[in-house]
Amino acid sequence: MERRPQRDPIRAHQRKSVAARRVGENAQCTCGERRPEALISGTKPVTCAECQRRSKGQCTMDDHHVGGRTNSTVTISVPVNDHRAILNSAQYDWPKETLENPHGLELLKAAACLRDFIDTRDYLINKLLRPLPEVLERLAELERRERTDK
């Protein structure tokens, strides 16, 4: 997922490195998932959250709190691996005071909801829209070939 630069790129790199060490360098689930945040530490073989839930007959979707659990009761359903590796990770780039909002300040609730809206918008663009131009270009190539074959 293409994203804006992190607020603290060093801290973001540290989090990613810790997650990778937790599950093992270059770890990958049998389904192909390799994002360390989506992999479950201590599983043999390495398993992602989605495959673990599927094997237990559980739902593979999570309810993502828009704005963080502290700031909003509004949730959207997203795949568990994306929730862990993308949307939750994005929240770590927010100011701690905004995410945790210990005093329940309405302005910080609004800030958190705006930050999450932007993160979720980016996620949806990358997940749903970014692949479409390439698909359309491949279809256009097939259409061009059909026309020249006639």
Protein backbone atom coordinates (compact mmCIF):
# COMPACT_ATOMS: atom_id res chain seq x y z
CA MET A 1 0.00 0.00 0.00
CA GLU A 2 1.38 3.38 -0.94
CA ARG A 3 1.14 5.75 1.97
CA ARG A 4 2.17 9.16 3.09
CA PRO A 5 5.56 9.34 4.79
CA GLN A 6 5.39 8.22 8.40
CA ARG A 7 5.37 10.81 11.13
CA ASP A 8 8.38 9.02 12.62
CA PRO A 9 10.05 6.80 9.99
CA ILE A 10 12.67 5.52 12.45
CA ARG A 11 10.01 4.35 14.88
CA ALA A 12 8.01 2.79 12.00
CA HIS A 13 11.13 0.87 10.91
CA GLN A 14 11.72 -0.28 14.49
CA ARG A 15 8.14 -1.59 14.76
CA LYS A 16 8.47 -3.44 11.46
CA SER A 17 11.83 -4.94 12.52
CA VAL A 18 10.45 -6.09 15.87
CA ALA A 19 7.47 -7.70 14.13
CA ALA A 20 9.79 -9.45 11.65
CA ARG A 21 12.04 -10.77 14.45
CA ARG A 22 8.98 -11.94 16.39
CA VAL A 23 7.84 -14.23 13.55
CA GLY A 24 11.25 -14.86 11.94
CA GLU A 25 13.06 -13.16 9.09
CA ASN A 26 11.44 -13.79 5.70
CA ALA A 27 8.61 -15.76 7.35
CA GLN A 28 5.64 -16.61 5.17
CA CYS A 29 2.32 -18.36 5.66
CA THR A 30 1.40 -21.20 3.29
CA CYS A 31 -1.18 -18.84 1.72
CA GLY A 32 1.63 -16.46 0.72
CA GLU A 33 1.05 -13.82 3.42
CA ARG A 34 4.40 -12.37 4.46
CA ARG A 35 3.59 -9.11 6.24
CA PRO A 36 5.05 -9.66 9.73
CA GLU A 37 2.18 -7.83 11.43
CA ALA A 38 -0.29 -10.34 9.96
CA LEU A 39 1.69 -13.42 10.99
CA ILE A 40 1.13 -15.15 14.34
CA SER A 41 4.30 -15.57 16.38
CA GLY A 42 5.12 -19.03 17.67
CA THR A 43 3.10 -20.94 15.08
CA LYS A 44 4.71 -23.92 13.34
CA PRO A 45 4.40 -23.76 10.43
CA VAL A 46 4.21 -19.97 10.25
CA THR A 47 0.55 -18.99 10.02
CA CYS A 48 -1.21 -15.71 9.34
CA ALA A 49 -4.19 -14.50 11.36
CA GLU A 50 -6.59 -15.20 8.50
CA CYS A 51 -5.48 -18.82 8.01
CA GLN A 52 -5.49 -19.43 11.76
CA ARG A 53 -9.06 -18.18 12.04
CA ARG A 54 -10.17 -20.09 8.96
CA SER A 55 -8.73 -23.33 10.40
CA LYS A 56 -10.75 -22.74 13.58
CA GLY A 57 -13.93 -21.97 11.66
CA GLN A 58 -13.86 -18.35 12.83
CA CYS A 59 -14.65 -15.17 10.92
CA THR A 60 -11.70 -13.82 8.91
CA MET A 61 -12.97 -10.25 9.14
CA ASP A 62 -12.28 -7.73 11.89
CA ASP A 63 -14.24 -4.69 13.02
CA HIS A 64 -11.89 -1.73 12.61
CA HIS A 65 -12.72 1.18 14.92
CA VAL A 66 -12.65 4.30 12.76
CA GLY A 67 -10.66 6.77 14.81
CA GLY A 68 -9.48 4.11 17.26
CA ARG A 69 -11.49 2.30 19.93
CA THR A 70 -11.03 5.18 22.40
CA ASN A 71 -12.40 7.78 20.01
CA SER A 72 -15.30 6.14 18.20
CA THR A 73 -17.74 3.26 18.32
CA VAL A 74 -18.06 3.32 14.52
CA THR A 75 -16.54 0.22 12.92
CA ILE A 76 -16.00 -1.09 9.42
CA SER A 77 -15.40 -4.71 8.52
CA VAL A 78 -11.98 -5.44 7.00
CA PRO A 79 -9.95 -8.61 6.41
CA VAL A 80 -8.01 -9.48 9.59
CA ASN A 81 -4.60 -9.49 7.90
CA ASP A 82 -5.17 -6.03 6.41
CA HIS A 83 -6.52 -4.78 9.74
CA ARG A 84 -3.37 -5.89 11.53
CA ALA A 85 -0.80 -5.02 8.87
CA ILE A 86 -2.24 -1.83 7.40
CA LEU A 87 -4.91 -0.03 9.39
CA ASN A 88 -3.65 -0.77 12.91
CA SER A 89 -0.07 -0.08 11.81
CA ALA A 90 -1.14 3.26 10.37
CA GLN A 91 -2.57 4.26 13.75
CA TYR A 92 0.88 3.88 15.32
CA ASP A 93 1.97 6.84 13.18
CA TRP A 94 -0.59 9.08 14.83
CA PRO A 95 0.31 11.26 17.79
CA LYS A 96 -0.04 9.09 20.90
CA GLU A 97 -2.31 11.68 22.56
CA THR A 98 -4.71 11.54 19.61
CA LEU A 99 -4.88 7.74 19.49
CA GLU A 100 -5.21 7.22 23.24
CA ASN A 101 -7.15 10.44 24.04
CA PRO A 102 -7.01 9.82 27.80
CA HIS A 103 -9.17 12.86 28.61
CA GLY A 104 -11.87 12.10 26.02
CA LEU A 105 -11.37 15.44 24.24
CA GLU A 106 -13.87 15.96 21.43
CA LEU A 107 -11.31 17.75 19.25
CA LEU A 108 -8.94 14.77 19.48
CA LYS A 109 -11.83 12.42 18.67
CA ALA A 110 -12.46 14.47 15.54
CA ALA A 111 -8.74 14.51 14.69
CA ALA A 112 -8.55 10.73 15.11
CA CYS A 113 -11.59 10.17 12.91
CA LEU A 114 -10.10 12.40 10.21
CA ARG A 115 -6.75 10.61 10.40
CA ASP A 116 -8.46 7.24 10.17
CA PHE A 117 -10.69 8.38 7.31
CA ILE A 118 -7.54 9.31 5.36
CA ASP A 119 -5.83 6.00 6.22
CA THR A 120 -8.96 4.01 5.31
CA ARG A 121 -9.43 5.97 2.09
CA ASP A 122 -5.82 5.19 1.12
CA TYR A 123 -6.36 1.52 2.00
CA LEU A 124 -9.51 1.29 -0.13
CA ILE A 125 -7.92 3.12 -3.05
CA ASN A 126 -4.96 0.74 -2.99
CA LYS A 127 -7.07 -2.37 -2.47
CA LEU A 128 -9.95 -1.63 -4.85
CA LEU A 129 -8.94 1.01 -7.38
CA ARG A 130 -5.17 0.85 -7.92
CA PRO A 131 -5.29 -2.55 -9.72
CA LEU A 132 -8.05 -1.46 -12.15
CA PRO A 133 -6.03 0.56 -14.70
CA GLU A 134 -3.73 -2.42 -15.31
CA VAL A 135 -6.73 -4.75 -15.72
CA LEU A 136 -8.32 -2.33 -18.18
CA GLU A 137 -5.03 -1.99 -20.09
CA ARG A 138 -4.74 -5.78 -20.39
CA LEU A 139 -8.33 -5.99 -21.62
CA ALA A 140 -7.62 -3.21 -24.11
CA GLU A 141 -4.66 -5.21 -25.42
CA LEU A 142 -6.93 -8.24 -25.89
CA GLU A 143 -9.47 -6.05 -27.66
CA ARG A 144 -6.74 -4.64 -29.94
CA ARG A 145 -5.56 -8.17 -30.80
CA GLU A 146 -9.11 -9.27 -31.62
CA ARG A 147 -9.54 -6.31 -33.96
CA THR A 148 -6.25 -6.95 -35.77
CA ASP A 149 -7.03 -10.69 -36.09
CA LYS A 150 -10.26 -9.97 -38.00
